[in-house]
């Protein structure tokens, strides 16, 4: 296990100032975010789902670590996350919870803009978001993203969950590393009974700016020559994906998440071989 990935010792982060970001799906709840600059690094913090009555619920922050590790195994560039056990304050009330943090991925001289906004500025008449990304030379990134989003059933790949980084001095434009996989896996299952009978291959409705509302259908957008990922998932990968999460995620969720990822990986491999 990566020593820096999971901080199990309780950290005092009560100084952080949390702001609310509404769910893009329109359902109840908020995702709280905070940031600070320490040691010359701009850090961004994110909580799981929160409301003023129930407090902090869900495990979106743990999902980020699982997706981070999966992307590492598959050798896909992505934003690195840390999972931290912390004491925080929200609206004057103290909580002990798990949160995740990541470092700013912008390099010196770069600015960022959401992909949907950049598409609106630069697209050709009648050009779809997918065709626009292909014209920009970003097809490999997009195809790998669609595969990963299928594997974890990411339901929130809207146009602001992909970002374009621009350096006007160097005249470079490229997509930011893959990030934001919290609304995936069994993120909405807050009680054990919600996992009973869950179908790991269920094709739930998703948001996908460059594709359709079906993660399985989005696989079919990928040309045959782009379907193979640089890395592979194996049965023994379970230990790497879930190691160290015992205190942050109950066993029932860890078992269900592994079953989902492995079943969807088998489906993906069958798809590649068909």
Protein backbone atom coordinates (compact mmCIF):
# COMPACT_ATOMS: atom_id res chain seq x y z
CA UNK A 1 0.00 0.00 0.00
CA UNK A 2 1.21 3.49 -0.78
CA UNK A 3 2.09 5.04 2.58
CA UNK A 4 0.93 8.53 1.57
CA UNK A 5 -2.42 7.45 0.10
CA UNK A 6 -4.30 6.82 3.34
CA UNK A 7 -3.86 8.77 6.57
CA UNK A 8 -5.52 6.72 9.31
CA UNK A 9 -4.26 8.86 12.20
CA UNK A 10 -6.82 11.53 13.03
CA UNK A 11 -5.82 14.91 11.57
CA UNK A 12 -7.03 18.24 12.92
CA UNK A 13 -8.45 20.10 9.90
CA UNK A 14 -10.92 22.26 11.81
CA UNK A 15 -9.39 25.37 10.27
CA UNK A 16 -10.73 24.55 6.79
CA UNK A 17 -13.61 26.63 5.47
CA UNK A 18 -16.14 24.44 3.65
CA UNK A 19 -18.37 25.62 0.83
CA UNK A 20 -21.31 23.79 -0.64
CA UNK A 21 -21.55 22.50 -4.20
CA UNK A 22 -24.97 21.21 -5.15
CA UNK A 23 -25.24 17.86 -6.85
CA UNK A 24 -25.37 18.30 -10.59
CA UNK A 25 -28.04 15.58 -10.79
CA UNK A 26 -30.50 17.80 -8.93
CA UNK A 27 -31.07 15.35 -6.07
CA UNK A 28 -30.89 16.31 -2.42
CA UNK A 29 -27.57 16.78 -0.72
CA UNK A 30 -24.39 18.75 -1.14
CA UNK A 31 -20.72 18.06 -1.64
CA UNK A 32 -18.55 20.28 0.49
CA UNK A 33 -15.20 21.53 -0.74
CA UNK A 34 -12.32 23.41 0.82
CA UNK A 35 -8.84 24.48 -0.17
CA UNK A 36 -5.63 25.80 1.33
CA UNK A 37 -2.07 26.50 0.30
CA UNK A 38 0.68 24.88 2.37
CA UNK A 39 4.30 24.24 1.52
CA UNK A 40 3.87 25.98 -1.81
CA UNK A 41 1.17 23.49 -2.88
CA UNK A 42 -2.48 24.40 -3.43
CA UNK A 43 -4.52 21.55 -1.94
CA UNK A 44 -8.19 20.85 -2.65
CA UNK A 45 -10.32 18.92 -0.13
CA UNK A 46 -13.59 17.14 -0.79
CA UNK A 47 -16.15 15.48 1.48
CA UNK A 48 -18.71 12.80 0.80
CA UNK A 49 -22.38 13.74 0.63
CA UNK A 50 -23.58 16.09 3.38
CA UNK A 51 -26.80 17.63 4.59
CA UNK A 52 -27.51 19.60 7.73
CA UNK A 53 -29.84 16.92 9.18
CA UNK A 54 -27.93 13.66 8.54
CA UNK A 55 -24.44 15.11 8.58
CA UNK A 56 -21.80 13.45 6.38
CA UNK A 57 -22.99 10.26 4.71
CA UNK A 58 -21.84 8.07 1.84
CA UNK A 59 -18.37 7.15 0.71
CA UNK A 60 -17.65 9.21 -2.41
CA UNK A 61 -14.23 10.12 -1.02
CA UNK A 62 -13.29 6.45 -0.70
CA UNK A 63 -14.45 5.89 -4.27
CA UNK A 64 -11.89 8.46 -5.40
CA UNK A 65 -9.07 6.40 -3.89
CA UNK A 66 -10.37 3.16 -5.42
CA UNK A 67 -10.66 4.80 -8.85
CA UNK A 68 -7.20 6.35 -8.41
CA UNK A 69 -5.71 2.91 -7.77
CA UNK A 70 -7.65 1.35 -10.64
CA UNK A 71 -6.34 3.98 -13.04
CA UNK A 72 -2.81 3.31 -11.77
CA UNK A 73 -3.21 -0.40 -12.52
CA UNK A 74 -4.56 0.39 -15.98
CA UNK A 75 -1.65 2.82 -16.61
CA UNK A 76 -3.90 5.78 -17.38
CA UNK A 77 -2.78 9.32 -16.40
CA UNK A 78 -5.01 10.73 -13.67
CA UNK A 79 -5.21 13.01 -10.67
CA UNK A 80 -3.73 11.51 -7.50
CA UNK A 81 -5.84 11.53 -4.33
CA UNK A 82 -5.17 11.01 -0.63
CA UNK A 83 -7.75 9.73 1.87
CA UNK A 84 -7.54 11.45 5.26
CA UNK A 85 -9.21 10.66 8.59
CA UNK A 86 -9.94 14.09 9.97
CA UNK A 87 -11.74 16.28 12.45
CA UNK A 88 -13.51 19.18 10.75
CA UNK A 89 -16.05 21.91 11.49
CA UNK A 90 -19.11 22.67 9.36
CA UNK A 91 -21.43 25.52 10.36
CA UNK A 92 -19.99 25.48 13.88
CA UNK A 93 -20.48 21.73 14.41
CA UNK A 94 -17.56 19.31 14.73
CA UNK A 95 -17.39 16.05 12.78
CA UNK A 96 -14.93 13.17 12.57
CA UNK A 97 -14.99 11.80 9.06
CA UNK A 98 -13.00 10.70 6.01
CA UNK A 99 -12.19 13.16 3.25
CA UNK A 100 -9.96 13.21 0.21
CA UNK A 101 -7.54 15.79 -1.05
CA UNK A 102 -5.58 16.42 -4.22
CA UNK A 103 -2.98 18.91 -5.39
CA UNK A 104 -3.69 21.52 -8.05
CA UNK A 105 -2.84 19.96 -11.41
CA UNK A 106 -2.26 23.27 -13.18
CA UNK A 107 1.35 24.02 -14.02
CA UNK A 108 2.87 27.48 -13.91
CA UNK A 109 1.44 29.62 -16.71
CA UNK A 110 -1.59 27.41 -17.30
CA UNK A 111 -5.22 28.40 -17.00
CA UNK A 112 -8.17 26.03 -16.98
CA UNK A 113 -11.60 26.03 -18.53
CA UNK A 114 -14.38 23.43 -18.46
CA UNK A 115 -14.50 21.28 -21.58
CA UNK A 116 -18.13 22.16 -22.27
CA UNK A 117 -17.30 25.89 -22.23
CA UNK A 118 -14.25 25.38 -24.45
CA UNK A 119 -16.35 23.29 -26.85
CA UNK A 120 -18.92 26.07 -27.15
CA UNK A 121 -16.17 28.57 -27.97
CA UNK A 122 -14.22 26.48 -30.48
CA UNK A 123 -16.57 23.94 -32.08
CA UNK A 124 -17.48 23.81 -35.73
CA UNK A 125 -21.09 24.12 -36.83
CA UNK A 126 -22.91 20.84 -36.18
CA UNK A 127 -19.87 19.26 -34.52
CA UNK A 128 -20.64 16.90 -31.63
CA UNK A 129 -18.56 17.00 -28.40
CA UNK A 130 -17.00 13.64 -29.31
CA UNK A 131 -16.10 14.73 -32.84
CA UNK A 132 -14.71 17.97 -31.43
CA UNK A 133 -12.40 16.06 -29.07
CA UNK A 134 -11.26 13.79 -31.90
CA UNK A 135 -10.44 16.84 -34.03
CA UNK A 136 -8.37 18.21 -31.15
CA UNK A 137 -6.36 14.97 -31.05
CA UNK A 138 -7.81 13.87 -27.70
CA UNK A 139 -9.44 10.62 -28.85
CA UNK A 140 -7.15 8.31 -26.83
CA UNK A 141 -7.90 10.23 -23.64
CA UNK A 142 -11.65 10.17 -24.32
CA UNK A 143 -11.77 6.48 -25.19
CA UNK A 144 -9.82 5.52 -22.06
CA UNK A 145 -12.13 7.70 -19.99
CA UNK A 146 -15.22 5.99 -21.41
CA UNK A 147 -13.78 2.58 -20.51
CA UNK A 148 -12.89 3.60 -16.96
CA UNK A 149 -16.28 5.26 -16.47
CA UNK A 150 -17.89 1.99 -17.53
CA UNK A 151 -15.76 -0.04 -15.12
CA UNK A 152 -16.71 2.10 -12.10
CA UNK A 153 -20.14 3.16 -13.44
CA UNK A 154 -19.29 6.84 -13.10
CA UNK A 155 -22.59 8.68 -13.31
CA UNK A 156 -21.33 12.26 -13.34
CA UNK A 157 -19.03 12.92 -16.31
CA UNK A 158 -20.63 16.22 -17.23
CA UNK A 159 -18.81 18.85 -19.23
CA UNK A 160 -17.18 20.50 -16.20
CA UNK A 161 -15.76 17.20 -14.91
CA UNK A 162 -13.32 17.39 -17.80
CA UNK A 163 -11.08 20.43 -18.01
CA UNK A 164 -8.91 22.01 -20.68
CA UNK A 165 -5.54 23.44 -19.67
CA UNK A 166 -4.14 26.29 -21.77
CA UNK A 167 -0.79 28.01 -21.76
CA UNK A 168 -1.04 31.13 -23.90
CA UNK A 169 2.69 31.85 -23.80
CA UNK A 170 3.64 28.37 -24.98
CA UNK A 171 0.52 28.08 -27.15
CA UNK A 172 -0.39 24.65 -25.74
CA UNK A 173 -3.84 23.19 -25.14
CA UNK A 174 -4.47 19.80 -23.53
CA UNK A 175 -6.91 18.00 -21.28
CA UNK A 176 -6.33 17.83 -17.53
CA UNK A 177 -5.63 14.43 -15.94
CA UNK A 178 -8.76 12.38 -15.30
CA UNK A 179 -10.41 13.38 -12.02
CA UNK A 180 -13.68 13.24 -10.07
CA UNK A 181 -14.90 9.65 -9.80
CA UNK A 182 -16.83 10.02 -6.54
CA UNK A 183 -20.33 9.42 -7.95
CA UNK A 184 -19.52 5.90 -9.01
CA UNK A 185 -19.65 2.31 -7.79
CA UNK A 186 -22.34 2.01 -5.04
CA UNK A 187 -22.13 5.66 -4.00
CA UNK A 188 -25.87 5.95 -3.26
CA UNK A 189 -26.03 2.83 -1.02
CA UNK A 190 -25.86 4.17 2.53
CA UNK A 191 -27.37 1.08 4.19
CA UNK A 192 -26.37 -2.57 3.92
CA UNK A 193 -29.79 -3.66 2.70
CA UNK A 194 -29.37 -1.37 -0.32
CA UNK A 195 -26.56 -3.65 -1.50
CA UNK A 196 -28.72 -6.79 -1.34
CA UNK A 197 -29.54 -8.00 -4.82
CA UNK A 198 -27.60 -5.18 -6.47
CA UNK A 199 -26.65 -5.99 -10.06
CA UNK A 200 -22.96 -5.18 -10.67
CA UNK A 201 -23.64 -4.94 -14.41
CA UNK A 202 -26.64 -2.64 -14.09
CA UNK A 203 -26.52 0.07 -16.75
CA UNK A 204 -27.90 2.98 -14.74
CA UNK A 205 -28.53 6.32 -16.41
CA UNK A 206 -25.40 8.46 -16.43
CA UNK A 207 -24.27 11.92 -17.47
CA UNK A 208 -21.59 11.89 -20.15
CA UNK A 209 -20.81 15.09 -22.04
CA UNK A 210 -19.05 13.33 -24.91
CA UNK A 211 -21.28 10.25 -25.07
CA UNK A 212 -24.73 8.92 -24.27
CA UNK A 213 -26.64 8.27 -21.04
CA UNK A 214 -25.52 4.61 -21.09
CA UNK A 215 -22.03 3.57 -19.98
CA UNK A 216 -22.36 0.30 -21.91
CA UNK A 217 -23.43 2.07 -25.10
CA UNK A 218 -20.48 4.43 -24.75
CA UNK A 219 -18.11 1.47 -25.09
CA UNK A 220 -19.50 0.97 -28.58
CA UNK A 221 -18.37 4.45 -29.55
CA UNK A 222 -14.77 3.25 -29.31
CA UNK A 223 -13.15 1.96 -32.54
CA UNK A 224 -11.71 -1.57 -32.29
CA UNK A 225 -8.11 -0.34 -32.49
CA UNK A 226 -8.60 1.87 -29.40
CA UNK A 227 -10.37 -0.58 -27.11
CA UNK A 228 -7.36 -2.15 -25.37
CA UNK A 229 -6.02 -0.35 -22.32
CA UNK A 230 -2.28 -0.23 -21.58
CA UNK A 231 -2.76 -2.04 -18.25
CA UNK A 232 -4.84 -4.98 -17.05
CA UNK A 233 -6.94 -5.92 -14.06
CA UNK A 234 -6.38 -9.31 -12.43
CA UNK A 235 -8.16 -11.17 -9.64
CA UNK A 236 -5.24 -10.48 -7.34
CA UNK A 237 -5.75 -6.75 -7.98
CA UNK A 238 -8.43 -6.77 -5.28
CA UNK A 239 -5.80 -6.50 -2.55
CA UNK A 240 -4.23 -3.43 -4.12
CA UNK A 241 -7.55 -1.67 -4.79
CA UNK A 242 -9.00 -2.14 -1.31
CA UNK A 243 -5.99 -2.42 0.98
CA UNK A 244 -6.06 -0.07 3.97
CA UNK A 245 -9.73 0.85 3.57
CA UNK A 246 -11.01 -1.34 6.41
CA UNK A 247 -11.69 1.59 8.75
CA UNK A 248 -13.18 3.81 6.05
CA UNK A 249 -15.47 1.32 4.31
CA UNK A 250 -17.36 -1.68 5.78
CA UNK A 251 -16.61 -5.16 4.46
CA UNK A 252 -19.97 -5.48 2.71
CA UNK A 253 -19.21 -2.43 0.58
CA UNK A 254 -15.65 -3.56 -0.16
CA UNK A 255 -16.92 -6.96 -1.31
CA UNK A 256 -19.69 -5.45 -3.43
CA UNK A 257 -17.37 -2.90 -5.02
CA UNK A 258 -14.82 -5.54 -5.97
CA UNK A 259 -17.57 -7.73 -7.45
CA UNK A 260 -18.80 -4.77 -9.50
CA UNK A 261 -15.38 -3.81 -10.83
CA UNK A 262 -14.40 -7.41 -11.63
CA UNK A 263 -17.70 -8.28 -13.35
CA UNK A 264 -17.54 -5.12 -15.42
CA UNK A 265 -13.91 -5.85 -16.29
CA UNK A 266 -14.96 -9.32 -17.55
CA UNK A 267 -17.72 -7.68 -19.61
CA UNK A 268 -15.20 -5.21 -21.03
CA UNK A 269 -12.76 -8.00 -21.98
CA UNK A 270 -15.54 -9.95 -23.67
CA UNK A 271 -16.46 -6.76 -25.53
CA UNK A 272 -12.87 -6.32 -26.72
CA UNK A 273 -12.75 -9.94 -27.92
CA UNK A 274 -16.13 -9.88 -29.66
